[in-house]
């Protein structure tokens, strides 16, 4: 009876430790995914801004060259 109680207590301790360890690791993983999402979104904004700038420069150059030909 004493060994069954000791086994149950040990099992409960390890189970609680495993759940807390898993919870802390999931928190780290969750924060990593959220931060990666923000980084990806910011990178998308930066690429869109660069594309818009390159297109604007190309359009201005094309218009100036076209107007110089006239």
PDB file of N, CA and C in Angstrom:
ATOM      1  N   UNK A   1       0.828  -1.195   0.000  1.00  0.00           N
ATOM      2  CA  UNK A   1       0.000   0.000   0.000  1.00  0.00           C
ATOM      3  C   UNK A   1       0.868   1.251   0.000  1.00  0.00           C
ATOM      4  N   UNK A   2       1.951   1.185   0.783  1.00  0.00           N
ATOM      5  CA  UNK A   2       2.841   2.331   0.861  1.00  0.00           C
ATOM      6  C   UNK A   2       3.540   2.561  -0.477  1.00  0.00           C
ATOM      7  N   UNK A   3       3.926   1.489  -1.169  1.00  0.00           N
ATOM      8  CA  UNK A   3       4.609   1.637  -2.455  1.00  0.00           C
ATOM      9  C   UNK A   3       3.650   2.176  -3.521  1.00  0.00           C
ATOM     10  N   UNK A   4       2.367   1.788  -3.455  1.00  0.00           N
ATOM     11  CA  UNK A   4       1.384   2.310  -4.412  1.00  0.00           C
ATOM     12  C   UNK A   4       1.191   3.814  -4.199  1.00  0.00           C
ATOM     13  N   UNK A   5       1.137   4.224  -2.938  1.00  0.00           N
ATOM     14  CA  UNK A   5       1.000   5.653  -2.639  1.00  0.00           C
ATOM     15  C   UNK A   5       2.237   6.415  -3.121  1.00  0.00           C
ATOM     16  N   UNK A   6       3.421   5.855  -2.880  1.00  0.00           N
ATOM     17  CA  UNK A   6       4.660   6.491  -3.327  1.00  0.00           C
ATOM     18  C   UNK A   6       4.705   6.570  -4.852  1.00  0.00           C
ATOM     19  N   UNK A   7       4.269   5.489  -5.531  1.00  0.00           N
ATOM     20  CA  UNK A   7       4.236   5.482  -6.990  1.00  0.00           C
ATOM     21  C   UNK A   7       3.274   6.549  -7.514  1.00  0.00           C
ATOM     22  N   UNK A   8       2.100   6.661  -6.895  1.00  0.00           N
ATOM     23  CA  UNK A   8       1.114   7.660  -7.324  1.00  0.00           C
ATOM     24  C   UNK A   8       1.652   9.071  -7.106  1.00  0.00           C
ATOM     25  N   UNK A   9       2.309   9.288  -5.980  1.00  0.00           N
ATOM     26  CA  UNK A   9       2.881  10.603  -5.691  1.00  0.00           C
ATOM     27  C   UNK A   9       3.987  10.941  -6.686  1.00  0.00           C
ATOM     28  N   UNK A  10       4.839   9.979  -6.992  1.00  0.00           N
ATOM     29  CA  UNK A  10       5.911  10.190  -7.966  1.00  0.00           C
ATOM     30  C   UNK A  10       5.340  10.457  -9.355  1.00  0.00           C
ATOM     31  N   UNK A  11       4.316   9.673  -9.722  1.00  0.00           N
ATOM     32  CA  UNK A  11       3.684   9.868 -11.023  1.00  0.00           C
ATOM     33  C   UNK A  11       3.064  11.259 -11.115  1.00  0.00           C
ATOM     34  N   UNK A  12       2.383  11.674 -10.059  1.00  0.00           N
ATOM     35  CA  UNK A  12       1.756  12.997 -10.047  1.00  0.00           C
ATOM     36  C   UNK A  12       2.805  14.098 -10.153  1.00  0.00           C
ATOM     37  N   UNK A  13       3.909  13.952  -9.437  1.00  0.00           N
ATOM     38  CA  UNK A  13       4.981  14.942  -9.500  1.00  0.00           C
ATOM     39  C   UNK A  13       5.549  15.036 -10.913  1.00  0.00           C
ATOM     40  N   UNK A  14       5.843  13.880 -11.525  1.00  0.00           N
ATOM     41  CA  UNK A  14       6.405  13.899 -12.872  1.00  0.00           C
ATOM     42  C   UNK A  14       5.406  14.428 -13.892  1.00  0.00           C
ATOM     43  N   UNK A  15       4.135  14.087 -13.706  1.00  0.00           N
ATOM     44  CA  UNK A  15       3.107  14.576 -14.617  1.00  0.00           C
ATOM     45  C   UNK A  15       2.998  16.099 -14.536  1.00  0.00           C
ATOM     46  N   UNK A  16       2.986  16.644 -13.325  1.00  0.00           N
ATOM     47  CA  UNK A  16       2.914  18.103 -13.163  1.00  0.00           C
ATOM     48  C   UNK A  16       4.163  18.776 -13.717  1.00  0.00           C
ATOM     49  N   UNK A  17       5.318  18.174 -13.491  1.00  0.00           N
ATOM     50  CA  UNK A  17       6.560  18.728 -14.023  1.00  0.00           C
ATOM     51  C   UNK A  17       6.541  18.729 -15.545  1.00  0.00           C
ATOM     52  N   UNK A  18       6.050  17.625 -16.138  1.00  0.00           N
ATOM     53  CA  UNK A  18       5.988  17.529 -17.594  1.00  0.00           C
ATOM     54  C   UNK A  18       5.028  18.567 -18.164  1.00  0.00           C
ATOM     55  N   UNK A  19       3.877  18.741 -17.530  1.00  0.00           N
ATOM     56  CA  UNK A  19       2.898  19.721 -18.014  1.00  0.00           C
ATOM     57  C   UNK A  19       3.465  21.133 -17.903  1.00  0.00           C
ATOM     58  N   UNK A  20       4.130  21.453 -16.805  1.00  0.00           N
ATOM     59  CA  UNK A  20       4.694  22.796 -16.663  1.00  0.00           C
ATOM     60  C   UNK A  20       5.830  23.016 -17.658  1.00  0.00           C
ATOM     61  N   UNK A  21       6.659  21.987 -17.878  1.00  0.00           N
ATOM     62  CA  UNK A  21       7.742  22.102 -18.854  1.00  0.00           C
ATOM     63  C   UNK A  21       7.181  22.293 -20.252  1.00  0.00           C
ATOM     64  N   UNK A  22       6.162  21.502 -20.585  1.00  0.00           N
ATOM     65  CA  UNK A  22       5.539  21.620 -21.900  1.00  0.00           C
ATOM     66  C   UNK A  22       4.886  22.986 -22.065  1.00  0.00           C
ATOM     67  N   UNK A  23       4.248  23.477 -21.023  1.00  0.00           N
ATOM     68  CA  UNK A  23       3.619  24.794 -21.084  1.00  0.00           C
ATOM     69  C   UNK A  23       4.636  25.896 -21.303  1.00  0.00           C
ATOM     70  N   UNK A  24       5.771  25.817 -20.631  1.00  0.00           N
ATOM     71  CA  UNK A  24       6.787  26.857 -20.819  1.00  0.00           C
ATOM     72  C   UNK A  24       7.381  26.780 -22.214  1.00  0.00           C
ATOM     73  N   UNK A  25       7.595  25.575 -22.728  1.00  0.00           N
ATOM     74  CA  UNK A  25       8.134  25.438 -24.090  1.00  0.00           C
ATOM     75  C   UNK A  25       7.121  25.913 -25.122  1.00  0.00           C
ATOM     76  N   UNK A  26       5.844  25.639 -24.903  1.00  0.00           N
ATOM     77  CA  UNK A  26       4.824  26.091 -25.840  1.00  0.00           C
ATOM     78  C   UNK A  26       4.740  27.611 -25.832  1.00  0.00           C
ATOM     79  N   UNK A  27       4.958  28.228 -24.668  1.00  0.00           N
ATOM     80  CA  UNK A  27       4.968  29.685 -24.613  1.00  0.00           C
ATOM     81  C   UNK A  27       6.106  30.259 -25.439  1.00  0.00           C
ATOM     82  N   UNK A  28       7.276  29.643 -25.344  1.00  0.00           N
ATOM     83  CA  UNK A  28       8.423  30.096 -26.133  1.00  0.00           C
ATOM     84  C   UNK A  28       8.144  29.904 -27.618  1.00  0.00           C
ATOM     85  N   UNK A  29       7.583  28.753 -27.970  1.00  0.00           N
ATOM     86  CA  UNK A  29       7.258  28.485 -29.373  1.00  0.00           C
ATOM     87  C   UNK A  29       6.211  29.465 -29.884  1.00  0.00           C
ATOM     88  N   UNK A  30       5.208  29.747 -29.043  1.00  0.00           N
ATOM     89  CA  UNK A  30       4.154  30.685 -29.437  1.00  0.00           C
ATOM     90  C   UNK A  30       4.734  32.079 -29.666  1.00  0.00           C
ATOM     91  N   UNK A  31       5.607  32.525 -28.765  1.00  0.00           N
ATOM     92  CA  UNK A  31       6.225  33.853 -28.940  1.00  0.00           C
ATOM     93  C   UNK A  31       7.097  33.884 -30.183  1.00  0.00           C
ATOM     94  N   UNK A  32       7.810  32.794 -30.479  1.00  0.00           N
ATOM     95  CA  UNK A  32       8.641  32.736 -31.677  1.00  0.00           C
ATOM     96  C   UNK A  32       7.785  32.847 -32.932  1.00  0.00           C
ATOM     97  N   UNK A  33       6.655  32.123 -32.949  1.00  0.00           N
ATOM     98  CA  UNK A  33       5.773  32.168 -34.121  1.00  0.00           C
ATOM     99  C   UNK A  33       5.189  33.559 -34.291  1.00  0.00           C
ATOM    100  N   UNK A  34       4.770  34.184 -33.189  1.00  0.00           N
ATOM    101  CA  UNK A  34       4.197  35.531 -33.276  1.00  0.00           C
ATOM    102  C   UNK A  34       5.252  36.517 -33.757  1.00  0.00           C
ATOM    103  N   UNK A  35       6.463  36.451 -33.208  1.00  0.00           N
ATOM    104  CA  UNK A  35       7.527  37.366 -33.635  1.00  0.00           C
ATOM    105  C   UNK A  35       7.902  37.133 -35.088  1.00  0.00           C
ATOM    106  N   UNK A  36       7.926  35.873 -35.531  1.00  0.00           N
ATOM    107  CA  UNK A  36       8.218  35.579 -36.932  1.00  0.00           C
ATOM    108  C   UNK A  36       7.125  36.136 -37.833  1.00  0.00           C
ATOM    109  N   UNK A  37       5.873  36.071 -37.363  1.00  0.00           N
ATOM    110  CA  UNK A  37       4.768  36.647 -38.129  1.00  0.00           C
ATOM    111  C   UNK A  37       4.915  38.147 -38.282  1.00  0.00           C
ATOM    112  N   UNK A  38       5.291  38.826 -37.186  1.00  0.00           N
ATOM    113  CA  UNK A  38       5.509  40.271 -37.275  1.00  0.00           C
ATOM    114  C   UNK A  38       6.679  40.590 -38.195  1.00  0.00           C
ATOM    115  N   UNK A  39       7.747  39.804 -38.115  1.00  0.00           N
ATOM    116  CA  UNK A  39       8.910  40.022 -38.972  1.00  0.00           C
ATOM    117  C   UNK A  39       8.535  39.824 -40.434  1.00  0.00           C
ATOM    118  N   UNK A  40       7.748  38.789 -40.709  1.00  0.00           N
ATOM    119  CA  UNK A  40       7.322  38.510 -42.083  1.00  0.00           C
ATOM    120  C   UNK A  40       6.443  39.642 -42.608  1.00  0.00           C
ATOM    121  N   UNK A  41       5.566  40.154 -41.743  1.00  0.00           N
ATOM    122  CA  UNK A  41       4.691  41.253 -42.150  1.00  0.00           C
ATOM    123  C   UNK A  41       5.512  42.511 -42.420  1.00  0.00           C
ATOM    124  N   UNK A  42       6.455  42.833 -41.544  1.00  0.00           N
ATOM    125  CA  UNK A  42       7.314  44.000 -41.753  1.00  0.00           C
ATOM    126  C   UNK A  42       8.156  43.846 -43.007  1.00  0.00           C
ATOM    127  N   UNK A  43       8.642  42.637 -43.256  1.00  0.00           N
ATOM    128  CA  UNK A  43       9.413  42.381 -44.468  1.00  0.00           C
ATOM    129  C   UNK A  43       8.539  42.569 -45.703  1.00  0.00           C
ATOM    130  N   UNK A  44       7.283  42.145 -45.615  1.00  0.00           N
ATOM    131  CA  UNK A  44       6.350  42.350 -46.719  1.00  0.00           C
ATOM    132  C   UNK A  44       6.118  43.822 -46.985  1.00  0.00           C
ATOM    133  N   UNK A  45       5.968  44.610 -45.911  1.00  0.00           N
ATOM    134  CA  UNK A  45       5.805  46.059 -46.087  1.00  0.00           C
ATOM    135  C   UNK A  45       7.049  46.671 -46.720  1.00  0.00           C
ATOM    136  N   UNK A  46       8.221  46.239 -46.281  1.00  0.00           N
ATOM    137  CA  UNK A  46       9.466  46.789 -46.828  1.00  0.00           C
ATOM    138  C   UNK A  46       9.604  46.445 -48.308  1.00  0.00           C
ATOM    139  N   UNK A  47       9.282  45.214 -48.680  1.00  0.00           N
ATOM    140  CA  UNK A  47       9.371  44.815 -50.091  1.00  0.00           C
ATOM    141  C   UNK A  47       8.372  45.608 -50.921  1.00  0.00           C
ATOM    142  N   UNK A  48       7.167  45.804 -50.396  1.00  0.00           N
ATOM    143  CA  UNK A  48       6.165  46.581 -51.126  1.00  0.00           C
ATOM    144  C   UNK A  48       6.625  48.027 -51.301  1.00  0.00           C
ATOM    145  N   UNK A  49       7.251  48.579 -50.274  1.00  0.00           N
ATOM    146  CA  UNK A  49       7.737  49.959 -50.362  1.00  0.00           C
ATOM    147  C   UNK A  49       8.861  50.063 -51.393  1.00  0.00           C
ATOM    148  N   UNK A  50       9.769  49.099 -51.398  1.00  0.00           N
ATOM    149  CA  UNK A  50      10.865  49.102 -52.378  1.00  0.00           C
ATOM    150  C   UNK A  50      10.304  48.949 -53.788  1.00  0.00           C
ATOM    151  N   UNK A  51       9.320  48.057 -53.960  1.00  0.00           N
ATOM    152  CA  UNK A  51       8.713  47.888 -55.280  1.00  0.00           C
ATOM    153  C   UNK A  51       8.068  49.186 -55.752  1.00  0.00           C
ATOM    154  N   UNK A  52       7.355  49.843 -54.838  1.00  0.00           N
ATOM    155  CA  UNK A  52       6.697  51.094 -55.198  1.00  0.00           C
ATOM    156  C   UNK A  52       7.729  52.158 -55.554  1.00  0.00           C
ATOM    157  N   UNK A  53       8.816  52.225 -54.812  1.00  0.00           N
ATOM    158  CA  UNK A  53       9.869  53.203 -55.089  1.00  0.00           C
ATOM    159  C   UNK A  53      10.534  52.919 -56.429  1.00  0.00           C
ATOM    160  N   UNK A  54      10.849  51.654 -56.685  1.00  0.00           N
ATOM    161  CA  UNK A  54      11.480  51.291 -57.960  1.00  0.00           C
ATOM    162  C   UNK A  54      10.537  51.602 -59.115  1.00  0.00           C
ATOM    163  N   UNK A  55       9.257  51.294 -58.949  1.00  0.00           N
ATOM    164  CA  UNK A  55       8.294  51.589 -60.007  1.00  0.00           C
ATOM    165  C   UNK A  55       8.182  53.095 -60.229  1.00  0.00           C
ATOM    166  N   UNK A  56       8.180  53.875 -59.151  1.00  0.00           N
ATOM    167  CA  UNK A  56       8.095  55.334 -59.288  1.00  0.00           C
ATOM    168  C   UNK A  56       9.316  55.885 -60.010  1.00  0.00           C
ATOM    169  N   UNK A  57      10.503  55.399 -59.654  1.00  0.00           N
ATOM    170  CA  UNK A  57      11.732  55.859 -60.317  1.00  0.00           C
ATOM    171  C   UNK A  57      11.710  55.460 -61.787  1.00  0.00           C
ATOM    172  N   UNK A  58      11.281  54.228 -62.075  1.00  0.00           N
ATOM    173  CA  UNK A  58      11.205  53.775 -63.468  1.00  0.00           C
ATOM    174  C   UNK A  58      10.203  54.609 -64.256  1.00  0.00           C
ATOM    175  N   UNK A  59       9.056  54.924 -63.655  1.00  0.00           N
ATOM    176  CA  UNK A  59       8.032  55.712 -64.338  1.00  0.00           C
ATOM    177  C   UNK A  59       8.529  57.126 -64.609  1.00  0.00           C
ATOM    178  N   UNK A  60       9.194  57.732 -63.628  1.00  0.00           N
ATOM    179  CA  UNK A  60       9.736  59.087 -63.827  1.00  0.00           C
ATOM    180  C   UNK A  60      10.807  59.088 -64.916  1.00  0.00           C
ATOM    181  N   UNK A  61      11.673  58.085 -64.905  1.00  0.00           N
ATOM    182  CA  UNK A  61      12.720  58.013 -65.933  1.00  0.00           C
ATOM    183  C   UNK A  61      12.110  57.794 -67.308  1.00  0.00           C
ATOM    184  N   UNK A  62      11.117  56.934 -67.405  1.00  0.00           N
ATOM    185  CA  UNK A  62      10.468  56.664 -68.690  1.00  0.00           C
ATOM    186  C   UNK A  62       9.754  57.904 -69.212  1.00  0.00           C
ATOM    187  N   UNK A  63       9.068  58.619 -68.319  1.00  0.00           N
ATOM    188  CA  UNK A  63       8.376  59.842 -68.739  1.00  0.00           C
ATOM    189  C   UNK A  63       9.363  60.910 -69.180  1.00  0.00           C
ATOM    190  N   UNK A  64      10.454  61.064 -68.441  1.00  0.00           N
ATOM    191  CA  UNK A  64      11.427  62.097 -68.822  1.00  0.00           C
ATOM    192  C   UNK A  64      12.088  61.755 -70.151  1.00  0.00           C
ATOM    193  N   UNK A  65      12.397  60.479 -70.376  1.00  0.00           N
ATOM    194  CA  UNK A  65      12.984  60.085 -71.659  1.00  0.00           C
ATOM    195  C   UNK A  65      11.974  60.238 -72.795  1.00  0.00           C
ATOM    196  N   UNK A  66      10.719  59.921 -72.523  1.00  0.00           N
ATOM    197  CA  UNK A  66       9.694  60.062 -73.555  1.00  0.00           C
ATOM    198  C   UNK A  66       9.469  61.525 -73.900  1.00  0.00           C
ATOM    199  N   UNK A  67       9.477  62.375 -72.902  1.00  0.00           N
ATOM    200  CA  UNK A  67       9.261  63.805 -73.163  1.00  0.00           C
ATOM    201  C   UNK A  67      10.470  64.430 -73.844  1.00  0.00           C
ATOM    202  N   UNK A  68      11.654  63.891 -73.594  1.00  0.00           N
ATOM    203  CA  UNK A  68      12.849  64.413 -74.265  1.00  0.00           C
ATOM    204  C   UNK A  68      12.857  64.051 -75.741  1.00  0.00           C
ATOM    205  N   UNK A  69      12.243  62.922 -76.090  1.00  0.00           N
ATOM    206  CA  UNK A  69      12.185  62.515 -77.495  1.00  0.00           C
ATOM    207  C   UNK A  69      11.237  63.391 -78.302  1.00  0.00           C
ATOM    208  N   UNK A  70      10.250  63.982 -77.667  1.00  0.00           N
ATOM    209  CA  UNK A  70       9.252  64.788 -78.387  1.00  0.00           C
ATOM    210  C   UNK A  70       9.781  66.100 -78.751  1.00  0.00           C
TER     211      UNK A  70
END
